[in-house]
C-alpha cells in the first residue's frame, strides 16, 4: 500500500480524496512534530512511535577499508502493538 491507496481508503468514509489527503498529511505531520520534540506517539493496539539514539560506533569505508567514526544519531523507531502483531500472524 502506498500513500495514494491510504488516501483512497480514508476517502471511503464519505469525504473527497483531497480532504482525505489533507487528513493523512496532518496525521503524518503530527507524528513527525511529536517525534521532533522527543515525544512518544502511542496508538493503542496499533503501536508506538518513538525516537531512539544510536550510539557512536566505528565503521568501515567500503571502498578503502579505512576505519571511520560514525557519530551518535537519533532515529525514529516503531514498536508494533499486540493487535497489529496478531493481525499479521
PDB file of N, CA and C in Angstrom:
ATOM      1  N   UNK A   1       0.846  -1.176   0.000  1.00  0.00           N
ATOM      2  CA  UNK A   1       0.000   0.000   0.000  1.00  0.00           C
ATOM      3  C   UNK A   1       0.893   1.241   0.000  1.00  0.00           C
ATOM      4  N   UNK A   2       0.560   2.176  -0.855  1.00  0.00           N
ATOM      5  CA  UNK A   2       1.274   3.448  -0.923  1.00  0.00           C
ATOM      6  C   UNK A   2       0.344   4.549  -0.414  1.00  0.00           C
ATOM      7  N   UNK A   3       0.872   5.765  -0.301  1.00  0.00           N
ATOM      8  CA  UNK A   3       0.103   6.869   0.257  1.00  0.00           C
ATOM      9  C   UNK A   3      -1.216   7.068  -0.491  1.00  0.00           C
ATOM     10  N   UNK A   4      -1.205   6.967  -1.810  1.00  0.00           N
ATOM     11  CA  UNK A   4      -2.428   7.149  -2.603  1.00  0.00           C
ATOM     12  C   UNK A   4      -3.484   6.108  -2.240  1.00  0.00           C
ATOM     13  N   UNK A   5      -3.066   4.878  -1.985  1.00  0.00           N
ATOM     14  CA  UNK A   5      -4.002   3.822  -1.576  1.00  0.00           C
ATOM     15  C   UNK A   5      -4.600   4.147  -0.209  1.00  0.00           C
ATOM     16  N   UNK A   6      -3.770   4.649   0.698  1.00  0.00           N
ATOM     17  CA  UNK A   6      -4.244   5.017   2.025  1.00  0.00           C
ATOM     18  C   UNK A   6      -5.251   6.162   1.937  1.00  0.00           C
ATOM     19  N   UNK A   7      -4.966   7.136   1.089  1.00  0.00           N
ATOM     20  CA  UNK A   7      -5.886   8.259   0.902  1.00  0.00           C
ATOM     21  C   UNK A   7      -7.221   7.760   0.363  1.00  0.00           C
ATOM     22  N   UNK A   8      -7.188   6.845  -0.595  1.00  0.00           N
ATOM     23  CA  UNK A   8      -8.424   6.275  -1.142  1.00  0.00           C
ATOM     24  C   UNK A   8      -9.223   5.555  -0.060  1.00  0.00           C
ATOM     25  N   UNK A   9      -8.530   4.825   0.797  1.00  0.00           N
ATOM     26  CA  UNK A   9      -9.192   4.091   1.882  1.00  0.00           C
ATOM     27  C   UNK A   9      -9.844   5.070   2.874  1.00  0.00           C
ATOM     28  N   UNK A  10      -9.147   6.142   3.215  1.00  0.00           N
ATOM     29  CA  UNK A  10      -9.696   7.141   4.131  1.00  0.00           C
ATOM     30  C   UNK A  10     -10.900   7.835   3.493  1.00  0.00           C
ATOM     31  N   UNK A  11     -10.851   8.065   2.191  1.00  0.00           N
ATOM     32  CA  UNK A  11     -11.942   8.742   1.488  1.00  0.00           C
ATOM     33  C   UNK A  11     -13.231   7.917   1.485  1.00  0.00           C
ATOM     34  N   UNK A  12     -13.128   6.627   1.774  1.00  0.00           N
ATOM     35  CA  UNK A  12     -14.309   5.758   1.795  1.00  0.00           C
ATOM     36  C   UNK A  12     -15.307   6.136   2.891  1.00  0.00           C
ATOM     37  N   UNK A  13     -14.899   6.974   3.840  1.00  0.00           N
ATOM     38  CA  UNK A  13     -15.831   7.384   4.900  1.00  0.00           C
ATOM     39  C   UNK A  13     -16.800   8.461   4.419  1.00  0.00           C
ATOM     40  N   UNK A  14     -16.651   8.891   3.168  1.00  0.00           N
ATOM     41  CA  UNK A  14     -17.578   9.860   2.600  1.00  0.00           C
ATOM     42  C   UNK A  14     -17.015  11.255   2.424  1.00  0.00           C
ATOM     43  N   UNK A  15     -15.696  11.363   2.364  1.00  0.00           N
ATOM     44  CA  UNK A  15     -15.078  12.657   2.087  1.00  0.00           C
ATOM     45  C   UNK A  15     -14.349  12.570   0.763  1.00  0.00           C
ATOM     46  N   UNK A  16     -13.970  13.726   0.218  1.00  0.00           N
ATOM     47  CA  UNK A  16     -13.265  13.723  -1.061  1.00  0.00           C
ATOM     48  C   UNK A  16     -11.836  13.230  -0.864  1.00  0.00           C
ATOM     49  N   UNK A  17     -11.214  12.831  -1.966  1.00  0.00           N
ATOM     50  CA  UNK A  17      -9.822  12.381  -1.879  1.00  0.00           C
ATOM     51  C   UNK A  17      -8.908  13.528  -1.464  1.00  0.00           C
ATOM     52  N   UNK A  18      -9.257  14.740  -1.875  1.00  0.00           N
ATOM     53  CA  UNK A  18      -8.453  15.898  -1.471  1.00  0.00           C
ATOM     54  C   UNK A  18      -8.511  16.069   0.045  1.00  0.00           C
ATOM     55  N   UNK A  19      -9.706  15.966   0.624  1.00  0.00           N
ATOM     56  CA  UNK A  19      -9.851  16.076   2.073  1.00  0.00           C
ATOM     57  C   UNK A  19      -9.147  14.926   2.777  1.00  0.00           C
ATOM     58  N   UNK A  20      -9.269  13.740   2.219  1.00  0.00           N
ATOM     59  CA  UNK A  20      -8.603  12.575   2.811  1.00  0.00           C
ATOM     60  C   UNK A  20      -7.091  12.763   2.768  1.00  0.00           C
ATOM     61  N   UNK A  21      -6.584  13.317   1.682  1.00  0.00           N
ATOM     62  CA  UNK A  21      -5.151  13.588   1.570  1.00  0.00           C
ATOM     63  C   UNK A  21      -4.683  14.559   2.640  1.00  0.00           C
ATOM     64  N   UNK A  22      -5.514  15.579   2.902  1.00  0.00           N
ATOM     65  CA  UNK A  22      -5.176  16.541   3.953  1.00  0.00           C
ATOM     66  C   UNK A  22      -5.174  15.876   5.325  1.00  0.00           C
ATOM     67  N   UNK A  23      -6.124  14.981   5.553  1.00  0.00           N
ATOM     68  CA  UNK A  23      -6.190  14.261   6.834  1.00  0.00           C
ATOM     69  C   UNK A  23      -4.928  13.412   7.027  1.00  0.00           C
ATOM     70  N   UNK A  24      -4.545  12.684   5.991  1.00  0.00           N
ATOM     71  CA  UNK A  24      -3.348  11.838   6.069  1.00  0.00           C
ATOM     72  C   UNK A  24      -2.111  12.700   6.304  1.00  0.00           C
ATOM     73  N   UNK A  25      -2.008  13.830   5.575  1.00  0.00           N
ATOM     74  CA  UNK A  25      -0.852  14.718   5.747  1.00  0.00           C
ATOM     75  C   UNK A  25      -0.788  15.295   7.155  1.00  0.00           C
ATOM     76  N   UNK A  26      -1.943  15.683   7.708  1.00  0.00           N
ATOM     77  CA  UNK A  26      -1.984  16.225   9.069  1.00  0.00           C
ATOM     78  C   UNK A  26      -1.582  15.148  10.078  1.00  0.00           C
ATOM     79  N   UNK A  27      -2.077  13.932   9.876  1.00  0.00           N
ATOM     80  CA  UNK A  27      -1.748  12.817  10.772  1.00  0.00           C
ATOM     81  C   UNK A  27      -0.243  12.541  10.770  1.00  0.00           C
ATOM     82  N   UNK A  28       0.335  12.418   9.588  1.00  0.00           N
ATOM     83  CA  UNK A  28       1.776  12.146   9.472  1.00  0.00           C
ATOM     84  C   UNK A  28       2.578  13.327  10.030  1.00  0.00           C
ATOM     85  N   UNK A  29       2.130  14.542   9.744  1.00  0.00           N
ATOM     86  CA  UNK A  29       2.808  15.727  10.257  1.00  0.00           C
ATOM     87  C   UNK A  29       2.794  15.789  11.772  1.00  0.00           C
ATOM     88  N   UNK A  30       1.666  15.408  12.368  1.00  0.00           N
ATOM     89  CA  UNK A  30       1.566  15.409  13.827  1.00  0.00           C
ATOM     90  C   UNK A  30       2.541  14.415  14.443  1.00  0.00           C
ATOM     91  N   UNK A  31       2.684  13.256  13.819  1.00  0.00           N
ATOM     92  CA  UNK A  31       3.640  12.260  14.320  1.00  0.00           C
ATOM     93  C   UNK A  31       5.059  12.796  14.181  1.00  0.00           C
ATOM     94  N   UNK A  32       5.393  13.388  13.026  1.00  0.00           N
ATOM     95  CA  UNK A  32       6.731  13.959  12.816  1.00  0.00           C
ATOM     96  C   UNK A  32       7.043  15.035  13.848  1.00  0.00           C
ATOM     97  N   UNK A  33       6.080  15.935  14.080  1.00  0.00           N
ATOM     98  CA  UNK A  33       6.294  17.019  15.038  1.00  0.00           C
ATOM     99  C   UNK A  33       6.524  16.486  16.447  1.00  0.00           C
ATOM    100  N   UNK A  34       5.736  15.506  16.847  1.00  0.00           N
ATOM    101  CA  UNK A  34       5.891  14.929  18.180  1.00  0.00           C
ATOM    102  C   UNK A  34       7.258  14.268  18.333  1.00  0.00           C
ATOM    103  N   UNK A  35       7.677  13.519  17.320  1.00  0.00           N
ATOM    104  CA  UNK A  35       8.982  12.858  17.395  1.00  0.00           C
ATOM    105  C   UNK A  35      10.114  13.876  17.395  1.00  0.00           C
ATOM    106  N   UNK A  36       9.955  14.965  16.634  1.00  0.00           N
ATOM    107  CA  UNK A  36      10.988  16.006  16.604  1.00  0.00           C
ATOM    108  C   UNK A  36      11.164  16.643  17.980  1.00  0.00           C
ATOM    109  N   UNK A  37      10.081  16.708  18.761  1.00  0.00           N
ATOM    110  CA  UNK A  37      10.144  17.249  20.122  1.00  0.00           C
ATOM    111  C   UNK A  37      10.663  16.225  21.122  1.00  0.00           C
ATOM    112  N   UNK A  38      10.785  14.967  20.694  1.00  0.00           N
ATOM    113  CA  UNK A  38      11.246  13.910  21.596  1.00  0.00           C
ATOM    114  C   UNK A  38      10.116  13.174  22.287  1.00  0.00           C
ATOM    115  N   UNK A  39       8.879  13.455  21.868  1.00  0.00           N
ATOM    116  CA  UNK A  39       7.721  12.785  22.469  1.00  0.00           C
ATOM    117  C   UNK A  39       7.478  11.428  21.830  1.00  0.00           C
ATOM    118  N   UNK A  40       6.732  10.580  22.540  1.00  0.00           N
ATOM    119  CA  UNK A  40       6.275   9.297  22.007  1.00  0.00           C
ATOM    120  C   UNK A  40       4.883   9.500  21.433  1.00  0.00           C
ATOM    121  N   UNK A  41       4.532   8.715  20.419  1.00  0.00           N
ATOM    122  CA  UNK A  41       3.172   8.695  19.890  1.00  0.00           C
ATOM    123  C   UNK A  41       2.685   7.266  20.032  1.00  0.00           C
ATOM    124  N   UNK A  42       1.680   7.075  20.886  1.00  0.00           N
ATOM    125  CA  UNK A  42       1.183   5.736  21.153  1.00  0.00           C
ATOM    126  C   UNK A  42      -0.246   5.606  20.647  1.00  0.00           C
ATOM    127  N   UNK A  43      -0.473   4.650  19.752  1.00  0.00           N
ATOM    128  CA  UNK A  43      -1.799   4.335  19.240  1.00  0.00           C
ATOM    129  C   UNK A  43      -2.139   2.945  19.762  1.00  0.00           C
ATOM    130  N   UNK A  44      -2.970   2.903  20.791  1.00  0.00           N
ATOM    131  CA  UNK A  44      -3.273   1.657  21.484  1.00  0.00           C
ATOM    132  C   UNK A  44      -3.755   0.597  20.493  1.00  0.00           C
ATOM    133  N   UNK A  45      -3.129  -0.556  20.547  1.00  0.00           N
ATOM    134  CA  UNK A  45      -3.465  -1.662  19.661  1.00  0.00           C
ATOM    135  C   UNK A  45      -2.686  -1.651  18.365  1.00  0.00           C
ATOM    136  N   UNK A  46      -2.263  -0.460  17.921  1.00  0.00           N
ATOM    137  CA  UNK A  46      -1.502  -0.355  16.672  1.00  0.00           C
ATOM    138  C   UNK A  46      -0.011  -0.371  16.948  1.00  0.00           C
ATOM    139  N   UNK A  47       0.446   0.562  17.787  1.00  0.00           N
ATOM    140  CA  UNK A  47       1.861   0.584  18.109  1.00  0.00           C
ATOM    141  C   UNK A  47       2.309   1.929  18.649  1.00  0.00           C
ATOM    142  N   UNK A  48       3.624   2.037  18.863  1.00  0.00           N
ATOM    143  CA  UNK A  48       4.206   3.244  19.431  1.00  0.00           C
ATOM    144  C   UNK A  48       5.374   3.712  18.568  1.00  0.00           C
ATOM    145  N   UNK A  49       5.325   5.000  18.228  1.00  0.00           N
ATOM    146  CA  UNK A  49       6.426   5.641  17.524  1.00  0.00           C
ATOM    147  C   UNK A  49       7.257   6.369  18.574  1.00  0.00           C
ATOM    148  N   UNK A  50       8.576   6.258  18.489  1.00  0.00           N
ATOM    149  CA  UNK A  50       9.448   6.969  19.425  1.00  0.00           C
ATOM    150  C   UNK A  50      10.780   7.259  18.746  1.00  0.00           C
ATOM    151  N   UNK A  51      11.623   8.001  19.442  1.00  0.00           N
ATOM    152  CA  UNK A  51      12.953   8.325  18.931  1.00  0.00           C
ATOM    153  C   UNK A  51      13.974   7.578  19.780  1.00  0.00           C
ATOM    154  N   UNK A  52      14.879   6.879  19.121  1.00  0.00           N
ATOM    155  CA  UNK A  52      15.961   6.186  19.813  1.00  0.00           C
ATOM    156  C   UNK A  52      17.283   6.814  19.398  1.00  0.00           C
ATOM    157  N   UNK A  53      18.270   6.680  20.261  1.00  0.00           N
ATOM    158  CA  UNK A  53      19.594   7.221  19.964  1.00  0.00           C
ATOM    159  C   UNK A  53      20.552   6.076  19.673  1.00  0.00           C
ATOM    160  N   UNK A  54      21.142   6.139  18.485  1.00  0.00           N
ATOM    161  CA  UNK A  54      22.185   5.155  18.145  1.00  0.00           C
ATOM    162  C   UNK A  54      23.502   5.674  18.700  1.00  0.00           C
ATOM    163  N   UNK A  55      24.224   4.818  19.391  1.00  0.00           N
ATOM    164  CA  UNK A  55      25.499   5.217  19.976  1.00  0.00           C
ATOM    165  C   UNK A  55      26.548   5.426  18.885  1.00  0.00           C
ATOM    166  N   UNK A  56      27.574   6.168  19.257  1.00  0.00           N
ATOM    167  CA  UNK A  56      28.709   6.361  18.356  1.00  0.00           C
ATOM    168  C   UNK A  56      29.382   5.016  18.134  1.00  0.00           C
ATOM    169  N   UNK A  57      29.845   4.779  16.911  1.00  0.00           N
ATOM    170  CA  UNK A  57      30.468   3.491  16.616  1.00  0.00           C
ATOM    171  C   UNK A  57      31.537   3.651  15.551  1.00  0.00           C
ATOM    172  N   UNK A  58      32.326   2.624  15.406  1.00  0.00           N
ATOM    173  CA  UNK A  58      33.363   2.609  14.388  1.00  0.00           C
ATOM    174  C   UNK A  58      32.854   1.817  13.196  1.00  0.00           C
ATOM    175  N   UNK A  59      32.944   2.424  12.023  1.00  0.00           N
ATOM    176  CA  UNK A  59      32.530   1.752  10.796  1.00  0.00           C
ATOM    177  C   UNK A  59      33.716   1.574   9.875  1.00  0.00           C
ATOM    178  N   UNK A  60      33.427   1.131   8.664  1.00  0.00           N
ATOM    179  CA  UNK A  60      34.487   0.908   7.701  1.00  0.00           C
ATOM    180  C   UNK A  60      34.043   1.438   6.345  1.00  0.00           C
ATOM    181  N   UNK A  61      34.909   2.223   5.704  1.00  0.00           N
ATOM    182  CA  UNK A  61      34.640   2.719   4.369  1.00  0.00           C
ATOM    183  C   UNK A  61      34.704   1.531   3.410  1.00  0.00           C
ATOM    184  N   UNK A  62      33.615   1.225   2.688  1.00  0.00           N
ATOM    185  CA  UNK A  62      33.616   0.037   1.832  1.00  0.00           C
ATOM    186  C   UNK A  62      34.591   0.117   0.649  1.00  0.00           C
ATOM    187  N   UNK A  63      34.917   1.311   0.214  1.00  0.00           N
ATOM    188  CA  UNK A  63      35.854   1.447  -0.913  1.00  0.00           C
ATOM    189  C   UNK A  63      37.301   1.232  -0.500  1.00  0.00           C
ATOM    190  N   UNK A  64      37.680   1.858   0.618  1.00  0.00           N
ATOM    191  CA  UNK A  64      39.082   1.830   1.008  1.00  0.00           C
ATOM    192  C   UNK A  64      39.384   0.878   2.154  1.00  0.00           C
ATOM    193  N   UNK A  65      38.358   0.463   2.880  1.00  0.00           N
ATOM    194  CA  UNK A  65      38.571  -0.397   4.034  1.00  0.00           C
ATOM    195  C   UNK A  65      39.017   0.382   5.255  1.00  0.00           C
ATOM    196  N   UNK A  66      39.142   1.699   5.102  1.00  0.00           N
ATOM    197  CA  UNK A  66      39.602   2.565   6.177  1.00  0.00           C
ATOM    198  C   UNK A  66      38.537   2.662   7.282  1.00  0.00           C
ATOM    199  N   UNK A  67      38.991   2.653   8.544  1.00  0.00           N
ATOM    200  CA  UNK A  67      38.070   2.788   9.672  1.00  0.00           C
ATOM    201  C   UNK A  67      37.617   4.245   9.773  1.00  0.00           C
ATOM    202  N   UNK A  68      36.324   4.420  10.055  1.00  0.00           N
ATOM    203  CA  UNK A  68      35.786   5.761  10.243  1.00  0.00           C
ATOM    204  C   UNK A  68      34.902   5.767  11.482  1.00  0.00           C
ATOM    205  N   UNK A  69      34.792   6.921  12.114  1.00  0.00           N
ATOM    206  CA  UNK A  69      33.934   7.073  13.272  1.00  0.00           C
ATOM    207  C   UNK A  69      32.565   7.551  12.803  1.00  0.00           C
ATOM    208  N   UNK A  70      31.531   6.856  13.213  1.00  0.00           N
ATOM    209  CA  UNK A  70      30.161   7.235  12.900  1.00  0.00           C
ATOM    210  C   UNK A  70      29.573   7.806  14.185  1.00  0.00           C
ATOM    211  N   UNK A  71      29.162   9.048  14.125  1.00  0.00           N
ATOM    212  CA  UNK A  71      28.692   9.753  15.317  1.00  0.00           C
ATOM    213  C   UNK A  71      27.347   9.264  15.832  1.00  0.00           C
ATOM    214  N   UNK A  72      27.039   9.704  17.053  1.00  0.00           N
ATOM    215  CA  UNK A  72      25.755   9.398  17.659  1.00  0.00           C
ATOM    216  C   UNK A  72      24.652  10.010  16.803  1.00  0.00           C
ATOM    217  N   UNK A  73      23.519   9.307  16.708  1.00  0.00           N
ATOM    218  CA  UNK A  73      22.450   9.751  15.824  1.00  0.00           C
ATOM    219  C   UNK A  73      21.098   9.374  16.413  1.00  0.00           C
ATOM    220  N   UNK A  74      20.114  10.266  16.259  1.00  0.00           N
ATOM    221  CA  UNK A  74      18.745   9.975  16.674  1.00  0.00           C
ATOM    222  C   UNK A  74      17.991   9.427  15.469  1.00  0.00           C
ATOM    223  N   UNK A  75      17.258   8.335  15.696  1.00  0.00           N
ATOM    224  CA  UNK A  75      16.496   7.707  14.617  1.00  0.00           C
ATOM    225  C   UNK A  75      15.077   7.393  15.078  1.00  0.00           C
ATOM    226  N   UNK A  76      14.099   7.515  14.166  1.00  0.00           N
ATOM    227  CA  UNK A  76      12.736   7.147  14.536  1.00  0.00           C
ATOM    228  C   UNK A  76      12.612   5.630  14.665  1.00  0.00           C
ATOM    229  N   UNK A  77      11.720   5.212  15.552  1.00  0.00           N
ATOM    230  CA  UNK A  77      11.526   3.787  15.792  1.00  0.00           C
ATOM    231  C   UNK A  77      10.035   3.510  15.941  1.00  0.00           C
ATOM    232  N   UNK A  78       9.623   2.293  15.597  1.00  0.00           N
ATOM    233  CA  UNK A  78       8.227   1.889  15.742  1.00  0.00           C
ATOM    234  C   UNK A  78       8.177   0.523  16.399  1.00  0.00           C
ATOM    235  N   UNK A  79       7.366   0.419  17.447  1.00  0.00           N
ATOM    236  CA  UNK A  79       7.159  -0.857  18.112  1.00  0.00           C
ATOM    237  C   UNK A  79       5.693  -1.235  17.912  1.00  0.00           C
ATOM    238  N   UNK A  80       5.423  -2.313  17.178  1.00  0.00           N
ATOM    239  CA  UNK A  80       4.031  -2.694  16.921  1.00  0.00           C
ATOM    240  C   UNK A  80       3.315  -3.137  18.184  1.00  0.00           C
ATOM    241  N   UNK A  81       2.015  -2.833  18.233  1.00  0.00           N
ATOM    242  CA  UNK A  81       1.180  -3.236  19.350  1.00  0.00           C
ATOM    243  C   UNK A  81       0.690  -4.663  19.187  1.00  0.00           C
ATOM    244  N   UNK A  82       0.080  -5.175  20.229  1.00  0.00           N
ATOM    245  CA  UNK A  82      -0.379  -6.566  20.249  1.00  0.00           C
ATOM    246  C   UNK A  82      -1.388  -6.864  19.135  1.00  0.00           C
ATOM    247  N   UNK A  83      -2.369  -5.981  18.940  1.00  0.00           N
ATOM    248  CA  UNK A  83      -3.380  -6.204  17.916  1.00  0.00           C
ATOM    249  C   UNK A  83      -2.776  -6.248  16.515  1.00  0.00           C
ATOM    250  N   UNK A  84      -1.809  -5.362  16.250  1.00  0.00           N
ATOM    251  CA  UNK A  84      -1.149  -5.351  14.950  1.00  0.00           C
ATOM    252  C   UNK A  84      -0.349  -6.625  14.747  1.00  0.00           C
ATOM    253  N   UNK A  85       0.354  -7.065  15.770  1.00  0.00           N
ATOM    254  CA  UNK A  85       1.124  -8.312  15.682  1.00  0.00           C
ATOM    255  C   UNK A  85       0.200  -9.494  15.381  1.00  0.00           C
ATOM    256  N   UNK A  86      -0.937  -9.538  16.075  1.00  0.00           N
ATOM    257  CA  UNK A  86      -1.888 -10.626  15.865  1.00  0.00           C
ATOM    258  C   UNK A  86      -2.520 -10.578  14.477  1.00  0.00           C
ATOM    259  N   UNK A  87      -2.713  -9.383  13.933  1.00  0.00           N
ATOM    260  CA  UNK A  87      -3.337  -9.226  12.623  1.00  0.00           C
ATOM    261  C   UNK A  87      -2.459  -9.757  11.495  1.00  0.00           C
ATOM    262  N   UNK A  88      -1.146  -9.684  11.671  1.00  0.00           N
ATOM    263  CA  UNK A  88      -0.258 -10.124  10.599  1.00  0.00           C
ATOM    264  C   UNK A  88       0.266 -11.553  10.783  1.00  0.00           C
ATOM    265  N   UNK A  89      -0.005 -12.140  11.930  1.00  0.00           N
ATOM    266  CA  UNK A  89       0.488 -13.504  12.134  1.00  0.00           C
ATOM    267  C   UNK A  89      -0.564 -14.542  11.862  1.00  0.00           C
TER     268      UNK A  89
END
